[in-house]
Amino acid sequence: ETRVAMANFVAMEELPPGALLKDDGTAVFPATKRPDGTLRKERPIRKLPDGRWYIPQDEVKAFQTKAHRMREARPKHPPGWAPPPEPEATAQKSKNQKKNEARRRKKAEAAAAAAAEERQEGGARGAAESESPADNAAKKVKSLKKKLKQIDDLVAKIDGGYEPNEEQTEKVSKRDEVSTSLKEAEDLLASLQV
């Protein structure tokens, strides 16, 4: 068997292993099944004008060294090795395993009962419905205090020589607006808590 390697294919004097010669004189690699289950179409092999067969590079079997072939032939396990015995399917559960299983089952039943009860009550309520006006006012006061603190920190930085960008300058200019909103929110919160 002589092979002549060319740019992107190999030319062979004889048909490559696995190739079939059809009645009409053409040769093909037969259709095969890929590992994922899809079918690969049969691929024709052309005959070159000098009588050799054109074989695409991806069809040429990769070269394997002697060491690689020896590694493949070597047994996977040491001599005398036997696979470990299969665990018995009818193994008895320990006391703790039974107790844990019962606890899990009870917890799942409780969760299912709670979900059914919630569905009967009319479904999940929105977060806005479940919060009281006092809670909303408290959140607003907290966020406004945070904004005011950020503005005060920024003013201190600017007094120390920091050059603010456009957004920071705009934020500082809204200090009076934020402080009046904070005062209103605190008054609202005080009236709701009484």
Protein backbone atom coordinates (compact mmCIF):
# COMPACT_ATOMS: atom_id res chain seq x y z
CA GLU A 1 0.00 0.00 0.00
CA THR A 2 1.62 3.24 -1.10
CA ARG A 3 0.37 6.65 -0.10
CA VAL A 4 1.35 9.98 -1.56
CA ALA A 5 0.48 12.95 0.63
CA MET A 6 -0.65 16.00 -1.29
CA ALA A 7 -1.84 19.45 -0.20
CA ASN A 8 -5.17 18.53 1.40
CA PHE A 9 -5.75 14.90 0.45
CA VAL A 10 -4.03 11.55 0.18
CA ALA A 11 -3.82 9.47 -2.99
CA MET A 12 -3.72 5.68 -2.59
CA GLU A 13 -3.04 2.89 -5.08
CA GLU A 14 -5.69 0.64 -3.45
CA LEU A 15 -9.04 1.40 -1.91
CA PRO A 16 -8.76 2.44 1.72
CA PRO A 17 -10.02 0.10 4.46
CA GLY A 18 -13.78 0.35 4.88
CA ALA A 19 -14.44 1.68 1.38
CA LEU A 20 -16.86 -0.14 -0.94
CA LEU A 21 -16.54 -0.53 -4.73
CA LYS A 22 -19.95 -0.23 -6.40
CA ASP A 23 -21.10 -2.04 -9.55
CA ASP A 24 -20.73 1.10 -11.67
CA GLY A 25 -17.00 1.34 -10.76
CA THR A 26 -17.30 4.18 -8.23
CA ALA A 27 -16.06 3.82 -4.68
CA VAL A 28 -17.72 5.20 -1.53
CA PHE A 29 -17.31 5.28 2.19
CA PRO A 30 -20.60 3.73 3.41
CA ALA A 31 -23.13 5.67 5.50
CA THR A 32 -22.37 5.48 9.22
CA LYS A 33 -24.12 6.39 12.45
CA ARG A 34 -22.60 9.10 14.63
CA PRO A 35 -22.43 8.70 18.44
CA ASP A 36 -25.33 11.16 18.83
CA GLY A 37 -27.55 8.93 16.67
CA THR A 38 -27.61 11.00 13.46
CA LEU A 39 -26.63 9.42 10.15
CA ARG A 40 -23.61 10.47 8.12
CA LYS A 41 -24.24 10.24 4.34
CA GLU A 42 -22.09 7.97 2.22
CA ARG A 43 -19.13 9.87 0.80
CA PRO A 44 -17.83 9.18 -2.71
CA ILE A 45 -14.16 8.52 -3.42
CA ARG A 46 -12.92 9.87 -6.74
CA LYS A 47 -10.51 8.08 -8.99
CA LEU A 48 -7.61 10.28 -10.13
CA PRO A 49 -6.47 10.28 -13.80
CA ASP A 50 -3.34 8.29 -12.88
CA GLY A 51 -5.50 5.46 -11.42
CA ARG A 52 -5.03 6.24 -7.75
CA TRP A 53 -7.93 6.92 -5.36
CA TYR A 54 -8.52 10.39 -3.90
CA ILE A 55 -9.16 10.17 -0.17
CA PRO A 56 -10.10 13.32 1.78
CA GLN A 57 -7.77 14.14 4.66
CA ASP A 58 -10.45 13.60 7.31
CA GLU A 59 -10.96 10.02 6.11
CA VAL A 60 -7.29 9.05 6.47
CA LYS A 61 -6.76 7.15 9.70
CA ALA A 62 -4.58 9.07 12.16
CA PHE A 63 -1.08 7.74 12.70
CA GLN A 64 -0.59 5.92 15.99
CA THR A 65 2.80 5.33 17.52
CA LYS A 66 3.86 1.93 18.80
CA ALA A 67 3.64 3.21 22.38
CA HIS A 68 0.06 4.37 21.82
CA ARG A 69 -0.95 0.98 20.39
CA MET A 70 0.67 -0.76 23.38
CA ARG A 71 -1.16 1.53 25.82
CA GLU A 72 -4.47 0.73 24.14
CA ALA A 73 -3.79 -3.03 24.26
CA ARG A 74 -2.82 -2.98 27.95
CA PRO A 75 -5.53 -4.17 30.37
CA LYS A 76 -7.34 -1.39 32.23
CA HIS A 77 -7.17 -3.08 35.66
CA PRO A 78 -4.47 -5.03 37.50
CA PRO A 79 -4.41 -8.84 37.14
CA GLY A 80 -6.90 -10.60 39.39
CA TRP A 81 -9.08 -7.53 39.80
CA ALA A 82 -12.80 -8.17 40.14
CA PRO A 83 -15.48 -5.51 40.08
CA PRO A 84 -16.91 -4.65 43.52
CA PRO A 85 -20.10 -6.49 44.43
CA GLU A 86 -23.40 -4.70 43.81
CA PRO A 87 -25.10 -3.45 47.00
CA GLU A 88 -28.18 -5.44 47.93
CA ALA A 89 -31.37 -3.87 46.68
CA THR A 90 -33.32 -5.09 49.72
CA ALA A 91 -30.98 -3.53 52.29
CA GLN A 92 -32.74 -2.60 55.54
CA LYS A 93 -32.80 1.07 56.48
CA SER A 94 -31.29 2.11 59.75
CA LYS A 95 -33.37 3.73 62.50
CA ASN A 96 -31.98 7.20 61.68
CA GLN A 97 -32.64 6.79 57.95
CA LYS A 98 -36.28 5.90 58.67
CA LYS A 99 -36.62 8.86 61.04
CA ASN A 100 -35.10 11.31 58.52
CA GLU A 101 -37.33 9.96 55.75
CA ALA A 102 -40.43 10.43 57.93
CA ARG A 103 -39.31 13.98 58.80
CA ARG A 104 -38.84 14.86 55.12
CA ARG A 105 -42.21 13.38 54.20
CA LYS A 106 -43.93 15.35 57.00
CA LYS A 107 -42.21 18.59 55.92
CA ALA A 108 -43.29 18.09 52.29
CA GLU A 109 -46.89 17.43 53.39
CA ALA A 110 -46.89 20.60 55.51
CA ALA A 111 -45.56 22.65 52.58
CA ALA A 112 -48.21 21.22 50.25
CA ALA A 113 -50.96 21.97 52.81
CA ALA A 114 -49.72 25.56 53.25
CA ALA A 115 -49.69 26.07 49.46
CA ALA A 116 -53.24 24.71 49.15
CA GLU A 117 -54.43 26.97 51.99
CA GLU A 118 -52.84 30.00 50.33
CA ARG A 119 -54.60 29.15 47.05
CA GLN A 120 -57.92 28.94 48.88
CA GLU A 121 -57.39 32.37 50.46
CA GLY A 122 -57.16 33.95 47.04
CA GLY A 123 -53.54 33.57 46.07
CA ALA A 124 -50.42 35.42 47.03
CA ARG A 125 -50.85 39.02 48.03
CA GLY A 126 -48.56 41.64 46.55
CA ALA A 127 -45.82 43.14 48.68
CA ALA A 128 -47.48 46.57 48.53
CA GLU A 129 -50.74 45.18 49.97
CA SER A 130 -49.07 43.43 52.88
CA GLU A 131 -47.09 46.49 54.06
CA SER A 132 -48.74 49.05 56.27
CA PRO A 133 -48.58 52.80 55.47
CA ALA A 134 -46.31 53.25 58.49
CA ASP A 135 -43.82 50.75 57.05
CA ASN A 136 -43.84 52.56 53.71
CA ALA A 137 -43.29 55.92 55.43
CA ALA A 138 -40.41 54.48 57.48
CA LYS A 139 -38.74 53.18 54.31
CA LYS A 140 -39.14 56.57 52.63
CA VAL A 141 -37.58 58.34 55.66
CA LYS A 142 -34.65 55.90 55.63
CA SER A 143 -33.96 56.37 51.91
CA LEU A 144 -34.19 60.19 52.15
CA LYS A 145 -31.79 60.21 55.14
CA LYS A 146 -29.37 58.13 53.07
CA LYS A 147 -29.59 60.59 50.13
CA LEU A 148 -29.06 63.54 52.46
CA LYS A 149 -25.98 61.89 54.00
CA GLN A 150 -24.53 61.25 50.52
CA ILE A 151 -25.09 64.89 49.58
CA ASP A 152 -23.44 66.11 52.81
CA ASP A 153 -20.44 63.83 52.20
CA LEU A 154 -20.15 65.17 48.64
CA VAL A 155 -20.28 68.79 49.90
CA ALA A 156 -17.47 68.01 52.37
CA LYS A 157 -15.38 66.57 49.51
CA ILE A 158 -16.01 69.63 47.35
CA ASP A 159 -14.98 71.92 50.25
CA GLY A 160 -11.74 69.92 50.45
CA GLY A 161 -10.87 70.76 46.81
CA TYR A 162 -12.62 67.95 44.90
CA GLU A 163 -13.83 68.81 41.36
CA PRO A 164 -17.41 67.44 40.97
CA ASN A 165 -18.85 66.26 37.65
CA GLU A 166 -22.27 67.32 36.25
CA GLU A 167 -24.28 64.65 38.06
CA GLN A 168 -22.64 65.44 41.39
CA THR A 169 -23.27 69.18 40.97
CA GLU A 170 -26.93 68.45 40.18
CA LYS A 171 -27.18 66.21 43.25
CA VAL A 172 -25.76 68.93 45.52
CA SER A 173 -28.22 71.49 44.09
CA LYS A 174 -31.16 69.27 45.18
CA ARG A 175 -30.12 69.26 48.85
CA ASP A 176 -32.89 71.67 49.97
CA GLU A 177 -35.51 69.67 48.05
CA VAL A 178 -34.40 66.40 49.69
CA SER A 179 -34.35 67.93 53.17
CA THR A 180 -37.92 69.30 52.80
CA SER A 181 -39.11 65.88 51.51
CA LEU A 182 -37.43 64.25 54.51
CA LYS A 183 -39.18 66.63 56.94
CA GLU A 184 -42.57 65.88 55.33
CA ALA A 185 -41.95 62.10 55.45
CA GLU A 186 -40.90 62.29 59.13
CA ASP A 187 -44.08 64.26 59.95
CA LEU A 188 -46.21 61.67 58.11
CA LEU A 189 -44.47 58.82 59.94
CA ALA A 190 -45.00 60.54 63.32
CA SER A 191 -48.75 61.00 62.57
CA LEU A 192 -49.11 57.32 61.53
CA GLN A 193 -47.35 55.99 64.63
CA VAL A 194 -49.58 57.91 67.08
